[in-house]
Amino acid sequence: MNKIKLFYSILKEFDKGNDPSFKDYDVTLEQFGDVVEMIALGNLIENATIQRGGIFNKVS
């Protein structure tokens, strides 16, 4: 799924009151996080937390 389709699909799920997860789509956790981050930076959603991996901070 390309990022534009994923972007709109996630927004649609939020609009319906759902809490989408990367497991709902054929994407990795990192790809899903990138798109949610884009949505949050565009001020289209509030209170989204995107946690990035690091040496002591693994993506889970």
C-alpha atoms as a PDB file:
ATOM      1  CA  MET A   1       0.000   0.000   0.000  1.00  0.00           C
ATOM      2  CA  ASN A   2       1.429   3.389  -0.899  1.00  0.00           C
ATOM      3  CA  LYS A   3       1.774   6.125   1.702  1.00  0.00           C
ATOM      4  CA  ILE A   4      -0.995   8.328   0.282  1.00  0.00           C
ATOM      5  CA  LYS A   5      -3.573   5.524   0.448  1.00  0.00           C
ATOM      6  CA  LEU A   6      -2.358   4.578   3.927  1.00  0.00           C
ATOM      7  CA  PHE A   7      -2.535   8.235   4.999  1.00  0.00           C
ATOM      8  CA  TYR A   8      -6.177   8.587   3.998  1.00  0.00           C
ATOM      9  CA  SER A   9      -7.145   5.157   5.272  1.00  0.00           C
ATOM     10  CA  ILE A  10      -5.739   5.908   8.729  1.00  0.00           C
ATOM     11  CA  LEU A  11      -7.524   9.275   8.809  1.00  0.00           C
ATOM     12  CA  LYS A  12     -10.767   7.568   7.828  1.00  0.00           C
ATOM     13  CA  GLU A  13     -10.391   5.060  10.669  1.00  0.00           C
ATOM     14  CA  PHE A  14      -9.750   7.852  13.181  1.00  0.00           C
ATOM     15  CA  ASP A  15     -12.803   9.681  11.846  1.00  0.00           C
ATOM     16  CA  LYS A  16     -14.904   6.559  12.489  1.00  0.00           C
ATOM     17  CA  GLY A  17     -13.616   6.479  16.068  1.00  0.00           C
ATOM     18  CA  ASN A  18     -11.390   3.463  15.523  1.00  0.00           C
ATOM     19  CA  ASP A  19      -7.802   3.051  16.708  1.00  0.00           C
ATOM     20  CA  PRO A  20      -5.906   1.734  13.672  1.00  0.00           C
ATOM     21  CA  SER A  21      -2.762  -0.364  14.006  1.00  0.00           C
ATOM     22  CA  PHE A  22      -0.043  -1.356  11.557  1.00  0.00           C
ATOM     23  CA  LYS A  23      -1.427  -4.881  11.865  1.00  0.00           C
ATOM     24  CA  ASP A  24      -4.583  -3.701  10.078  1.00  0.00           C
ATOM     25  CA  TYR A  25      -2.546  -2.902   6.963  1.00  0.00           C
ATOM     26  CA  ASP A  26       0.110  -4.684   4.936  1.00  0.00           C
ATOM     27  CA  VAL A  27       2.895  -2.417   6.231  1.00  0.00           C
ATOM     28  CA  THR A  28       5.685  -2.505   8.796  1.00  0.00           C
ATOM     29  CA  LEU A  29       5.511  -0.766  12.144  1.00  0.00           C
ATOM     30  CA  GLU A  30       8.083   1.765  10.880  1.00  0.00           C
ATOM     31  CA  GLN A  31       6.056   2.583   7.744  1.00  0.00           C
ATOM     32  CA  PHE A  32       2.902   2.986   9.815  1.00  0.00           C
ATOM     33  CA  GLY A  33       4.764   5.233  12.265  1.00  0.00           C
ATOM     34  CA  ASP A  34       6.056   7.414   9.416  1.00  0.00           C
ATOM     35  CA  VAL A  35       2.535   8.016   8.142  1.00  0.00           C
ATOM     36  CA  VAL A  36       1.056   8.661  11.593  1.00  0.00           C
ATOM     37  CA  GLU A  37       3.888  11.110  12.218  1.00  0.00           C
ATOM     38  CA  MET A  38       3.069  12.926   8.953  1.00  0.00           C
ATOM     39  CA  ILE A  39      -0.594  13.124  10.009  1.00  0.00           C
ATOM     40  CA  ALA A  40       0.358  14.464  13.452  1.00  0.00           C
ATOM     41  CA  LEU A  41       2.794  17.029  12.025  1.00  0.00           C
ATOM     42  CA  GLY A  42       0.032  18.231   9.710  1.00  0.00           C
ATOM     43  CA  ASN A  43      -2.128  18.870  12.798  1.00  0.00           C
ATOM     44  CA  LEU A  44      -4.760  16.435  11.524  1.00  0.00           C
ATOM     45  CA  ILE A  45      -4.709  14.407  14.751  1.00  0.00           C
ATOM     46  CA  GLU A  46      -3.845  15.249  18.338  1.00  0.00           C
ATOM     47  CA  ASN A  47      -2.191  13.299  21.144  1.00  0.00           C
ATOM     48  CA  ALA A  48      -0.453  10.822  18.846  1.00  0.00           C
ATOM     49  CA  THR A  49       2.732   9.336  20.272  1.00  0.00           C
ATOM     50  CA  ILE A  50       5.365   8.053  17.863  1.00  0.00           C
ATOM     51  CA  GLN A  51       8.202   6.240  19.575  1.00  0.00           C
ATOM     52  CA  ARG A  52      11.367   5.712  17.551  1.00  0.00           C
ATOM     53  CA  GLY A  53      13.878   2.958  18.160  1.00  0.00           C
ATOM     54  CA  GLY A  54      17.399   3.526  19.385  1.00  0.00           C
ATOM     55  CA  ILE A  55      20.158   1.742  21.215  1.00  0.00           C
ATOM     56  CA  PHE A  56      18.141   1.425  24.417  1.00  0.00           C
ATOM     57  CA  ASN A  57      14.724   2.077  22.905  1.00  0.00           C
ATOM     58  CA  LYS A  58      13.540  -0.716  20.638  1.00  0.00           C
ATOM     59  CA  VAL A  59      10.443  -0.309  18.538  1.00  0.00           C
ATOM     60  CA  SER A  60       7.665  -2.454  19.951  1.00  0.00           C
END
